PDB file of N, CA and C in Angstrom:
ATOM      1  N   MET A   1       8.614  35.073  29.228  1.00  0.00           N
ATOM      2  CA  MET A   1       7.326  34.949  29.891  1.00  0.00           C
ATOM      3  C   MET A   1       6.374  34.151  28.993  1.00  0.00           C
ATOM      4  N   PRO A   2       5.818  33.067  29.507  1.00  0.00           N
ATOM      5  CA  PRO A   2       4.880  32.277  28.701  1.00  0.00           C
ATOM      6  C   PRO A   2       3.680  33.107  28.244  1.00  0.00           C
ATOM      7  N   VAL A   3       3.146  32.720  27.106  1.00  0.00           N
ATOM      8  CA  VAL A   3       1.965  33.369  26.547  1.00  0.00           C
ATOM      9  C   VAL A   3       0.740  32.796  27.252  1.00  0.00           C
ATOM     10  N   VAL A   4      -0.115  33.663  27.765  1.00  0.00           N
ATOM     11  CA  VAL A   4      -1.363  33.216  28.376  1.00  0.00           C
ATOM     12  C   VAL A   4      -2.359  32.994  27.246  1.00  0.00           C
ATOM     13  N   VAL A   5      -2.861  31.758  27.166  1.00  0.00           N
ATOM     14  CA  VAL A   5      -3.747  31.375  26.069  1.00  0.00           C
ATOM     15  C   VAL A   5      -5.159  31.167  26.607  1.00  0.00           C
ATOM     16  N   THR A   6      -6.130  31.649  25.856  1.00  0.00           N
ATOM     17  CA  THR A   6      -7.537  31.459  26.200  1.00  0.00           C
ATOM     18  C   THR A   6      -8.177  30.537  25.164  1.00  0.00           C
ATOM     19  N   ASP A   7      -9.410  30.151  25.428  1.00  0.00           N
ATOM     20  CA  ASP A   7     -10.133  29.348  24.442  1.00  0.00           C
ATOM     21  C   ASP A   7     -10.209  30.089  23.105  1.00  0.00           C
ATOM     22  N   ASP A   8     -10.302  31.408  23.157  1.00  0.00           N
ATOM     23  CA  ASP A   8     -10.413  32.214  21.935  1.00  0.00           C
ATOM     24  C   ASP A   8      -9.098  32.338  21.173  1.00  0.00           C
ATOM     25  N   THR A   9      -7.962  32.244  21.864  1.00  0.00           N
ATOM     26  CA  THR A   9      -6.665  32.443  21.199  1.00  0.00           C
ATOM     27  C   THR A   9      -5.896  31.145  20.969  1.00  0.00           C
ATOM     28  N   PHE A  10      -6.385  30.029  21.493  1.00  0.00           N
ATOM     29  CA  PHE A  10      -5.665  28.756  21.416  1.00  0.00           C
ATOM     30  C   PHE A  10      -5.334  28.371  19.977  1.00  0.00           C
ATOM     31  N   GLU A  11      -6.306  28.476  19.107  1.00  0.00           N
ATOM     32  CA  GLU A  11      -6.085  28.065  17.712  1.00  0.00           C
ATOM     33  C   GLU A  11      -4.958  28.869  17.066  1.00  0.00           C
ATOM     34  N   ASP A  12      -5.000  30.184  17.214  1.00  0.00           N
ATOM     35  CA  ASP A  12      -3.971  31.026  16.590  1.00  0.00           C
ATOM     36  C   ASP A  12      -2.598  30.828  17.223  1.00  0.00           C
ATOM     37  N   VAL A  13      -2.541  30.788  18.548  1.00  0.00           N
ATOM     38  CA  VAL A  13      -1.250  30.708  19.241  1.00  0.00           C
ATOM     39  C   VAL A  13      -0.645  29.313  19.156  1.00  0.00           C
ATOM     40  N   VAL A  14      -1.471  28.292  19.313  1.00  0.00           N
ATOM     41  CA  VAL A  14      -0.958  26.919  19.419  1.00  0.00           C
ATOM     42  C   VAL A  14      -1.074  26.158  18.104  1.00  0.00           C
ATOM     43  N   LEU A  15      -2.270  26.045  17.585  1.00  0.00           N
ATOM     44  CA  LEU A  15      -2.507  25.162  16.444  1.00  0.00           C
ATOM     45  C   LEU A  15      -1.962  25.706  15.127  1.00  0.00           C
ATOM     46  N   LYS A  16      -1.891  27.013  14.991  1.00  0.00           N
ATOM     47  CA  LYS A  16      -1.399  27.606  13.744  1.00  0.00           C
ATOM     48  C   LYS A  16       0.066  28.032  13.817  1.00  0.00           C
ATOM     49  N   SER A  17       0.737  27.723  14.912  1.00  0.00           N
ATOM     50  CA  SER A  17       2.133  28.141  15.079  1.00  0.00           C
ATOM     51  C   SER A  17       3.052  27.381  14.125  1.00  0.00           C
ATOM     52  N   ASP A  18       4.047  28.081  13.601  1.00  0.00           N
ATOM     53  CA  ASP A  18       5.045  27.418  12.763  1.00  0.00           C
ATOM     54  C   ASP A  18       6.237  26.936  13.596  1.00  0.00           C
ATOM     55  N   LYS A  19       6.135  27.075  14.918  1.00  0.00           N
ATOM     56  CA  LYS A  19       7.173  26.602  15.841  1.00  0.00           C
ATOM     57  C   LYS A  19       6.561  25.554  16.767  1.00  0.00           C
ATOM     58  N   PRO A  20       7.387  24.702  17.376  1.00  0.00           N
ATOM     59  CA  PRO A  20       6.861  23.817  18.416  1.00  0.00           C
ATOM     60  C   PRO A  20       6.282  24.655  19.563  1.00  0.00           C
ATOM     61  N   VAL A  21       5.170  24.196  20.123  1.00  0.00           N
ATOM     62  CA  VAL A  21       4.513  24.913  21.216  1.00  0.00           C
ATOM     63  C   VAL A  21       4.385  23.981  22.413  1.00  0.00           C
ATOM     64  N   ILE A  22       4.847  24.453  23.562  1.00  0.00           N
ATOM     65  CA  ILE A  22       4.716  23.717  24.817  1.00  0.00           C
ATOM     66  C   ILE A  22       3.589  24.389  25.580  1.00  0.00           C
ATOM     67  N   VAL A  23       2.517  23.639  25.859  1.00  0.00           N
ATOM     68  CA  VAL A  23       1.345  24.198  26.525  1.00  0.00           C
ATOM     69  C   VAL A  23       1.232  23.597  27.922  1.00  0.00           C
ATOM     70  N   ASP A  24       1.261  24.466  28.912  1.00  0.00           N
ATOM     71  CA  ASP A  24       1.142  24.096  30.317  1.00  0.00           C
ATOM     72  C   ASP A  24      -0.300  24.326  30.748  1.00  0.00           C
ATOM     73  N   PHE A  25      -1.046  23.230  30.967  1.00  0.00           N
ATOM     74  CA  PHE A  25      -2.406  23.319  31.496  1.00  0.00           C
ATOM     75  C   PHE A  25      -2.286  23.306  33.015  1.00  0.00           C
ATOM     76  N   TRP A  26      -2.763  24.353  33.671  1.00  0.00           N
ATOM     77  CA  TRP A  26      -2.515  24.554  35.091  1.00  0.00           C
ATOM     78  C   TRP A  26      -3.709  25.240  35.750  1.00  0.00           C
ATOM     79  N   ALA A  27      -3.607  25.450  37.079  1.00  0.00           N
ATOM     80  CA  ALA A  27      -4.589  26.233  37.830  1.00  0.00           C
ATOM     81  C   ALA A  27      -3.873  26.934  38.979  1.00  0.00           C
ATOM     82  N   VAL A  28      -4.416  28.057  39.390  1.00  0.00           N
ATOM     83  CA  VAL A  28      -3.808  28.876  40.437  1.00  0.00           C
ATOM     84  C   VAL A  28      -3.641  28.099  41.739  1.00  0.00           C
ATOM     85  N   TRP A  29      -4.608  27.281  42.104  1.00  0.00           N
ATOM     86  CA  TRP A  29      -4.610  26.581  43.385  1.00  0.00           C
ATOM     87  C   TRP A  29      -3.733  25.332  43.391  1.00  0.00           C
ATOM     88  N   CYS A  30      -3.151  24.967  42.270  1.00  0.00           N
ATOM     89  CA  CYS A  30      -2.420  23.703  42.107  1.00  0.00           C
ATOM     90  C   CYS A  30      -0.952  23.859  42.513  1.00  0.00           C
ATOM     91  N   GLY A  31      -0.573  23.235  43.635  1.00  0.00           N
ATOM     92  CA  GLY A  31       0.810  23.292  44.110  1.00  0.00           C
ATOM     93  C   GLY A  31       1.822  22.750  43.114  1.00  0.00           C
ATOM     94  N   PRO A  32       1.620  21.544  42.585  1.00  0.00           N
ATOM     95  CA  PRO A  32       2.570  21.011  41.605  1.00  0.00           C
ATOM     96  C   PRO A  32       2.705  21.896  40.360  1.00  0.00           C
ATOM     97  N   CYS A  33       1.636  22.602  40.000  1.00  0.00           N
ATOM     98  CA  CYS A  33       1.708  23.512  38.845  1.00  0.00           C
ATOM     99  C   CYS A  33       2.732  24.613  39.091  1.00  0.00           C
ATOM    100  N   ARG A  34       2.809  25.070  40.335  1.00  0.00           N
ATOM    101  CA  ARG A  34       3.792  26.105  40.673  1.00  0.00           C
ATOM    102  C   ARG A  34       5.211  25.567  40.566  1.00  0.00           C
ATOM    103  N   MET A  35       5.376  24.255  40.709  1.00  0.00           N
ATOM    104  CA  MET A  35       6.700  23.645  40.570  1.00  0.00           C
ATOM    105  C   MET A  35       7.111  23.546  39.099  1.00  0.00           C
ATOM    106  N   VAL A  36       6.140  23.445  38.211  1.00  0.00           N
ATOM    107  CA  VAL A  36       6.417  23.326  36.778  1.00  0.00           C
ATOM    108  C   VAL A  36       6.733  24.688  36.155  1.00  0.00           C
ATOM    109  N   ALA A  37       6.175  25.748  36.694  1.00  0.00           N
ATOM    110  CA  ALA A  37       6.344  27.086  36.105  1.00  0.00           C
ATOM    111  C   ALA A  37       7.807  27.471  35.886  1.00  0.00           C
ATOM    112  N   PRO A  38       8.715  27.263  36.852  1.00  0.00           N
ATOM    113  CA  PRO A  38      10.116  27.623  36.604  1.00  0.00           C
ATOM    114  C   PRO A  38      10.757  26.789  35.492  1.00  0.00           C
ATOM    115  N   VAL A  39      10.305  25.555  35.331  1.00  0.00           N
ATOM    116  CA  VAL A  39      10.822  24.698  34.257  1.00  0.00           C
ATOM    117  C   VAL A  39      10.411  25.275  32.905  1.00  0.00           C
ATOM    118  N   MET A  40       9.169  25.729  32.802  1.00  0.00           N
ATOM    119  CA  MET A  40       8.707  26.345  31.556  1.00  0.00           C
ATOM    120  C   MET A  40       9.515  27.613  31.261  1.00  0.00           C
ATOM    121  N   ASP A  41       9.797  28.387  32.305  1.00  0.00           N
ATOM    122  CA  ASP A  41      10.617  29.592  32.127  1.00  0.00           C
ATOM    123  C   ASP A  41      12.015  29.234  31.630  1.00  0.00           C
ATOM    124  N   GLN A  42      12.597  28.165  32.180  1.00  0.00           N
ATOM    125  CA  GLN A  42      13.931  27.719  31.744  1.00  0.00           C
ATOM    126  C   GLN A  42      13.922  27.322  30.273  1.00  0.00           C
ATOM    127  N   LEU A  43      12.890  26.598  29.859  1.00  0.00           N
ATOM    128  CA  LEU A  43      12.790  26.186  28.455  1.00  0.00           C
ATOM    129  C   LEU A  43      12.713  27.405  27.548  1.00  0.00           C
ATOM    130  N   GLU A  44      11.911  28.360  27.958  1.00  0.00           N
ATOM    131  CA  GLU A  44      11.762  29.571  27.156  1.00  0.00           C
ATOM    132  C   GLU A  44      13.088  30.329  27.069  1.00  0.00           C
ATOM    133  N   GLN A  45      13.820  30.387  28.171  1.00  0.00           N
ATOM    134  CA  GLN A  45      15.119  31.068  28.167  1.00  0.00           C
ATOM    135  C   GLN A  45      16.117  30.341  27.275  1.00  0.00           C
ATOM    136  N   LYS A  46      16.129  29.012  27.340  1.00  0.00           N
ATOM    137  CA  LYS A  46      17.106  28.245  26.570  1.00  0.00           C
ATOM    138  C   LYS A  46      16.820  28.291  25.069  1.00  0.00           C
ATOM    139  N   TYR A  47      15.564  28.108  24.692  1.00  0.00           N
ATOM    140  CA  TYR A  47      15.230  27.963  23.273  1.00  0.00           C
ATOM    141  C   TYR A  47      14.755  29.255  22.614  1.00  0.00           C
ATOM    142  N   GLY A  48      14.485  30.270  23.408  1.00  0.00           N
ATOM    143  CA  GLY A  48      14.142  31.585  22.858  1.00  0.00           C
ATOM    144  C   GLY A  48      13.052  31.542  21.817  1.00  0.00           C
ATOM    145  N   ASP A  49      13.332  32.096  20.651  1.00  0.00           N
ATOM    146  CA  ASP A  49      12.309  32.210  19.614  1.00  0.00           C
ATOM    147  C   ASP A  49      12.161  30.949  18.766  1.00  0.00           C
ATOM    148  N   LYS A  50      12.799  29.852  19.171  1.00  0.00           N
ATOM    149  CA  LYS A  50      12.647  28.586  18.436  1.00  0.00           C
ATOM    150  C   LYS A  50      11.391  27.831  18.863  1.00  0.00           C
ATOM    151  N   ILE A  51      10.832  28.203  20.029  1.00  0.00           N
ATOM    152  CA  ILE A  51       9.626  27.554  20.539  1.00  0.00           C
ATOM    153  C   ILE A  51       8.677  28.618  21.073  1.00  0.00           C
ATOM    154  N   VAL A  52       7.446  28.189  21.342  1.00  0.00           N
ATOM    155  CA  VAL A  52       6.471  29.024  22.038  1.00  0.00           C
ATOM    156  C   VAL A  52       6.094  28.278  23.313  1.00  0.00           C
ATOM    157  N   VAL A  53       6.141  28.969  24.434  1.00  0.00           N
ATOM    158  CA  VAL A  53       5.686  28.398  25.699  1.00  0.00           C
ATOM    159  C   VAL A  53       4.379  29.101  26.050  1.00  0.00           C
ATOM    160  N   ALA A  54       3.333  28.301  26.278  1.00  0.00           N
ATOM    161  CA  ALA A  54       2.004  28.852  26.540  1.00  0.00           C
ATOM    162  C   ALA A  54       1.418  28.236  27.802  1.00  0.00           C
ATOM    163  N   LYS A  55       0.535  28.989  28.447  1.00  0.00           N
ATOM    164  CA  LYS A  55      -0.144  28.518  29.650  1.00  0.00           C
ATOM    165  C   LYS A  55      -1.650  28.644  29.464  1.00  0.00           C
ATOM    166  N   VAL A  56      -2.370  27.614  29.909  1.00  0.00           N
ATOM    167  CA  VAL A  56      -3.829  27.629  29.877  1.00  0.00           C
ATOM    168  C   VAL A  56      -4.330  27.367  31.295  1.00  0.00           C
ATOM    169  N   ASP A  57      -5.042  28.328  31.865  1.00  0.00           N
ATOM    170  CA  ASP A  57      -5.650  28.177  33.192  1.00  0.00           C
ATOM    171  C   ASP A  57      -6.940  27.372  33.017  1.00  0.00           C
ATOM    172  N   VAL A  58      -6.923  26.119  33.465  1.00  0.00           N
ATOM    173  CA  VAL A  58      -8.052  25.222  33.212  1.00  0.00           C
ATOM    174  C   VAL A  58      -9.317  25.620  33.961  1.00  0.00           C
ATOM    175  N   ASP A  59      -9.193  26.436  35.001  1.00  0.00           N
ATOM    176  CA  ASP A  59     -10.390  26.906  35.695  1.00  0.00           C
ATOM    177  C   ASP A  59     -11.138  27.950  34.874  1.00  0.00           C
ATOM    178  N   LYS A  60     -10.417  28.684  34.048  1.00  0.00           N
ATOM    179  CA  LYS A  60     -11.029  29.743  33.241  1.00  0.00           C
ATOM    180  C   LYS A  60     -11.273  29.309  31.799  1.00  0.00           C
ATOM    181  N   GLU A  61     -10.419  28.447  31.290  1.00  0.00           N
ATOM    182  CA  GLU A  61     -10.448  28.065  29.873  1.00  0.00           C
ATOM    183  C   GLU A  61     -10.521  26.539  29.775  1.00  0.00           C
ATOM    184  N   GLN A  62     -11.717  26.017  29.526  1.00  0.00           N
ATOM    185  CA  GLN A  62     -11.902  24.573  29.613  1.00  0.00           C
ATOM    186  C   GLN A  62     -12.055  23.855  28.276  1.00  0.00           C
ATOM    187  N   LYS A  63     -12.307  24.586  27.219  1.00  0.00           N
ATOM    188  CA  LYS A  63     -12.600  23.960  25.925  1.00  0.00           C
ATOM    189  C   LYS A  63     -11.483  23.022  25.471  1.00  0.00           C
ATOM    190  N   TYR A  64     -10.260  23.535  25.392  1.00  0.00           N
ATOM    191  CA  TYR A  64      -9.170  22.725  24.856  1.00  0.00           C
ATOM    192  C   TYR A  64      -8.629  21.731  25.876  1.00  0.00           C
ATOM    193  N   ALA A  65      -8.770  22.032  27.152  1.00  0.00           N
ATOM    194  CA  ALA A  65      -8.408  21.050  28.174  1.00  0.00           C
ATOM    195  C   ALA A  65      -9.284  19.809  27.996  1.00  0.00           C
ATOM    196  N   ALA A  66     -10.574  20.019  27.782  1.00  0.00           N
ATOM    197  CA  ALA A  66     -11.485  18.898  27.562  1.00  0.00           C
ATOM    198  C   ALA A  66     -11.182  18.203  26.239  1.00  0.00           C
ATOM    199  N   GLU A  67     -10.946  18.987  25.194  1.00  0.00           N
ATOM    200  CA  GLU A  67     -10.694  18.414  23.870  1.00  0.00           C
ATOM    201  C   GLU A  67      -9.461  17.511  23.857  1.00  0.00           C
ATOM    202  N   TYR A  68      -8.444  17.888  24.624  1.00  0.00           N
ATOM    203  CA  TYR A  68      -7.207  17.105  24.644  1.00  0.00           C
ATOM    204  C   TYR A  68      -7.112  16.176  25.856  1.00  0.00           C
ATOM    205  N   GLY A  69      -8.224  15.960  26.536  1.00  0.00           N
ATOM    206  CA  GLY A  69      -8.275  14.972  27.603  1.00  0.00           C
ATOM    207  C   GLY A  69      -7.433  15.301  28.821  1.00  0.00           C
ATOM    208  N   VAL A  70      -7.333  16.582  29.145  1.00  0.00           N
ATOM    209  CA  VAL A  70      -6.581  16.982  30.336  1.00  0.00           C
ATOM    210  C   VAL A  70      -7.471  16.748  31.549  1.00  0.00           C
ATOM    211  N   ARG A  71      -7.121  15.726  32.332  1.00  0.00           N
ATOM    212  CA  ARG A  71      -7.913  15.368  33.505  1.00  0.00           C
ATOM    213  C   ARG A  71      -7.172  15.652  34.806  1.00  0.00           C
ATOM    214  N   ASN A  72      -5.871  15.748  34.727  1.00  0.00           N
ATOM    215  CA  ASN A  72      -5.042  16.055  35.891  1.00  0.00           C
ATOM    216  C   ASN A  72      -4.135  17.216  35.531  1.00  0.00           C
ATOM    217  N   ILE A  73      -3.778  17.996  36.539  1.00  0.00           N
ATOM    218  CA  ILE A  73      -2.845  19.092  36.291  1.00  0.00           C
ATOM    219  C   ILE A  73      -1.705  19.006  37.289  1.00  0.00           C
ATOM    220  N   PRO A  74      -0.550  19.451  36.908  1.00  0.00           N
ATOM    221  CA  PRO A  74      -0.242  20.021  35.609  1.00  0.00           C
ATOM    222  C   PRO A  74      -0.180  18.956  34.516  1.00  0.00           C
ATOM    223  N   THR A  75      -0.620  19.312  33.341  1.00  0.00           N
ATOM    224  CA  THR A  75      -0.413  18.510  32.139  1.00  0.00           C
ATOM    225  C   THR A  75       0.254  19.413  31.116  1.00  0.00           C
ATOM    226  N   ILE A  76       1.349  18.916  30.560  1.00  0.00           N
ATOM    227  CA  ILE A  76       2.083  19.656  29.546  1.00  0.00           C
ATOM    228  C   ILE A  76       1.895  18.922  28.224  1.00  0.00           C
ATOM    229  N   LEU A  77       1.395  19.625  27.223  1.00  0.00           N
ATOM    230  CA  LEU A  77       1.269  19.059  25.883  1.00  0.00           C
ATOM    231  C   LEU A  77       2.241  19.771  24.959  1.00  0.00           C
ATOM    232  N   VAL A  78       2.846  19.003  24.075  1.00  0.00           N
ATOM    233  CA  VAL A  78       3.749  19.563  23.077  1.00  0.00           C
ATOM    234  C   VAL A  78       3.058  19.447  21.721  1.00  0.00           C
ATOM    235  N   PHE A  79       2.975  20.572  21.025  1.00  0.00           N
ATOM    236  CA  PHE A  79       2.343  20.626  19.713  1.00  0.00           C
ATOM    237  C   PHE A  79       3.380  20.947  18.652  1.00  0.00           C
ATOM    238  N   GLN A  80       3.226  20.293  17.510  1.00  0.00           N
ATOM    239  CA  GLN A  80       4.043  20.615  16.346  1.00  0.00           C
ATOM    240  C   GLN A  80       3.131  20.539  15.129  1.00  0.00           C
ATOM    241  N   ASN A  81       3.142  21.582  14.325  1.00  0.00           N
ATOM    242  CA  ASN A  81       2.291  21.653  13.132  1.00  0.00           C
ATOM    243  C   ASN A  81       0.821  21.396  13.454  1.00  0.00           C
ATOM    244  N   GLY A  82       0.359  21.928  14.586  1.00  0.00           N
ATOM    245  CA  GLY A  82      -1.044  21.820  14.959  1.00  0.00           C
ATOM    246  C   GLY A  82      -1.460  20.503  15.568  1.00  0.00           C
ATOM    247  N   GLU A  83      -0.524  19.586  15.763  1.00  0.00           N
ATOM    248  CA  GLU A  83      -0.832  18.268  16.324  1.00  0.00           C
ATOM    249  C   GLU A  83      -0.184  18.108  17.690  1.00  0.00           C
ATOM    250  N   ALA A  84      -0.922  17.522  18.627  1.00  0.00           N
ATOM    251  CA  ALA A  84      -0.342  17.195  19.932  1.00  0.00           C
ATOM    252  C   ALA A  84       0.539  15.966  19.746  1.00  0.00           C
ATOM    253  N   ILE A  85       1.837  16.131  19.990  1.00  0.00           N
ATOM    254  CA  ILE A  85       2.778  15.030  19.746  1.00  0.00           C
ATOM    255  C   ILE A  85       3.439  14.521  21.021  1.00  0.00           C
ATOM    256  N   GLY A  86       3.182  15.174  22.147  1.00  0.00           N
ATOM    257  CA  GLY A  86       3.783  14.728  23.399  1.00  0.00           C
ATOM    258  C   GLY A  86       2.952  15.171  24.581  1.00  0.00           C
ATOM    259  N   ARG A  87       3.050  14.402  25.672  1.00  0.00           N
ATOM    260  CA  ARG A  87       2.262  14.693  26.873  1.00  0.00           C
ATOM    261  C   ARG A  87       3.071  14.307  28.103  1.00  0.00           C
ATOM    262  N   GLN A  88       3.053  15.186  29.086  1.00  0.00           N
ATOM    263  CA  GLN A  88       3.637  14.902  30.392  1.00  0.00           C
ATOM    264  C   GLN A  88       2.601  15.294  31.433  1.00  0.00           C
ATOM    265  N   VAL A  89       2.179  14.323  32.232  1.00  0.00           N
ATOM    266  CA  VAL A  89       1.234  14.601  33.302  1.00  0.00           C
ATOM    267  C   VAL A  89       2.015  14.604  34.609  1.00  0.00           C
ATOM    268  N   GLY A  90       1.883  15.678  35.355  1.00  0.00           N
ATOM    269  CA  GLY A  90       2.592  15.798  36.620  1.00  0.00           C
ATOM    270  C   GLY A  90       3.918  16.517  36.452  1.00  0.00           C
ATOM    271  N   VAL A  91       4.586  16.667  37.573  1.00  0.00           N
ATOM    272  CA  VAL A  91       5.850  17.397  37.606  1.00  0.00           C
ATOM    273  C   VAL A  91       6.964  16.533  37.028  1.00  0.00           C
ATOM    274  N   ALA A  92       7.815  17.148  36.232  1.00  0.00           N
ATOM    275  CA  ALA A  92       9.004  16.477  35.690  1.00  0.00           C
ATOM    276  C   ALA A  92      10.138  17.495  35.690  1.00  0.00           C
ATOM    277  N   PRO A  93      11.371  17.024  35.807  1.00  0.00           N
ATOM    278  CA  PRO A  93      12.499  17.953  35.820  1.00  0.00           C
ATOM    279  C   PRO A  93      12.760  18.559  34.441  1.00  0.00           C
ATOM    280  N   PHE A  94      13.504  19.640  34.443  1.00  0.00           N
ATOM    281  CA  PHE A  94      13.875  20.353  33.225  1.00  0.00           C
ATOM    282  C   PHE A  94      14.446  19.403  32.180  1.00  0.00           C
ATOM    283  N   GLU A  95      15.286  18.464  32.601  1.00  0.00           N
ATOM    284  CA  GLU A  95      15.978  17.573  31.671  1.00  0.00           C
ATOM    285  C   GLU A  95      15.016  16.753  30.811  1.00  0.00           C
ATOM    286  N   VAL A  96      13.896  16.361  31.383  1.00  0.00           N
ATOM    287  CA  VAL A  96      12.908  15.578  30.631  1.00  0.00           C
ATOM    288  C   VAL A  96      12.377  16.403  29.454  1.00  0.00           C
ATOM    289  N   PHE A  97      12.011  17.632  29.725  1.00  0.00           N
ATOM    290  CA  PHE A  97      11.492  18.509  28.673  1.00  0.00           C
ATOM    291  C   PHE A  97      12.597  18.924  27.708  1.00  0.00           C
ATOM    292  N   ASP A  98      13.766  19.213  28.256  1.00  0.00           N
ATOM    293  CA  ASP A  98      14.890  19.671  27.440  1.00  0.00           C
ATOM    294  C   ASP A  98      15.245  18.646  26.370  1.00  0.00           C
ATOM    295  N   LYS A  99      15.277  17.386  26.744  1.00  0.00           N
ATOM    296  CA  LYS A  99      15.618  16.325  25.787  1.00  0.00           C
ATOM    297  C   LYS A  99      14.608  16.288  24.636  1.00  0.00           C
ATOM    298  N   ALA A 100      13.335  16.319  24.983  1.00  0.00           N
ATOM    299  CA  ALA A 100      12.284  16.257  23.959  1.00  0.00           C
ATOM    300  C   ALA A 100      12.294  17.501  23.070  1.00  0.00           C
ATOM    301  N   ILE A 101      12.444  18.656  23.675  1.00  0.00           N
ATOM    302  CA  ILE A 101      12.411  19.900  22.911  1.00  0.00           C
ATOM    303  C   ILE A 101      13.641  20.018  22.020  1.00  0.00           C
ATOM    304  N   SER A 102      14.798  19.608  22.517  1.00  0.00           N
ATOM    305  CA  SER A 102      16.012  19.712  21.693  1.00  0.00           C
ATOM    306  C   SER A 102      15.874  18.865  20.435  1.00  0.00           C
ATOM    307  N   GLN A 103      15.244  17.690  20.545  1.00  0.00           N
ATOM    308  CA  GLN A 103      15.023  16.849  19.369  1.00  0.00           C
ATOM    309  C   GLN A 103      14.064  17.526  18.389  1.00  0.00           C
ATOM    310  N   LEU A 104      13.028  18.174  18.911  1.00  0.00           N
ATOM    311  CA  LEU A 104      12.078  18.881  18.047  1.00  0.00           C
ATOM    312  C   LEU A 104      12.740  20.043  17.323  1.00  0.00           C
ATOM    313  N   VAL A 105      13.504  20.815  18.060  1.00  0.00           N
ATOM    314  CA  VAL A 105      14.156  21.988  17.479  1.00  0.00           C
ATOM    315  C   VAL A 105      15.154  21.560  16.411  1.00  0.00           C
ATOM    316  N   GLU A 106      15.877  20.472  16.669  1.00  0.00           N
ATOM    317  CA  GLU A 106      16.827  19.961  15.674  1.00  0.00           C
ATOM    318  C   GLU A 106      16.102  19.498  14.418  1.00  0.00           C
ATOM    319  N   SER A 107      14.949  18.852  14.579  1.00  0.00           N
ATOM    320  CA  SER A 107      14.209  18.359  13.413  1.00  0.00           C
ATOM    321  C   SER A 107      13.620  19.509  12.597  1.00  0.00           C
ATOM    322  N   GLU A 108      13.398  20.652  13.233  1.00  0.00           N
ATOM    323  CA  GLU A 108      12.866  21.831  12.541  1.00  0.00           C
ATOM    324  C   GLU A 108      13.951  22.538  11.736  1.00  0.00           C
ATOM    325  N   ALA A 109      15.210  22.361  12.148  1.00  0.00           N
ATOM    326  CA  ALA A 109      16.325  23.103  11.521  1.00  0.00           C
ATOM    327  C   ALA A 109      16.628  22.588  10.127  1.00  0.00           C
TER     328      ALA A 109
END
């Protein structure tokens, strides 16, 4: 289950993590966001404790969405060592994320 992140917890959960973090910026009313949710679940199942999967509801938590230029949702940002190193705007299949995450996990090993 992805970690629900707020403006208050973003720094600790995402920026200070010693693992790669995949952050899904989404909203309840967003149809395409609902299509991305199962992909995030698949990533979490495949990589387990090697990554952190987090969700930010942009309607409730706007600080970091604005800071990282999230203008469309879903937007998925990948963080490593506190830096945003990847971005996917819109729906993408599991394979797109899997390829990027597998390279990150290998580089961490």
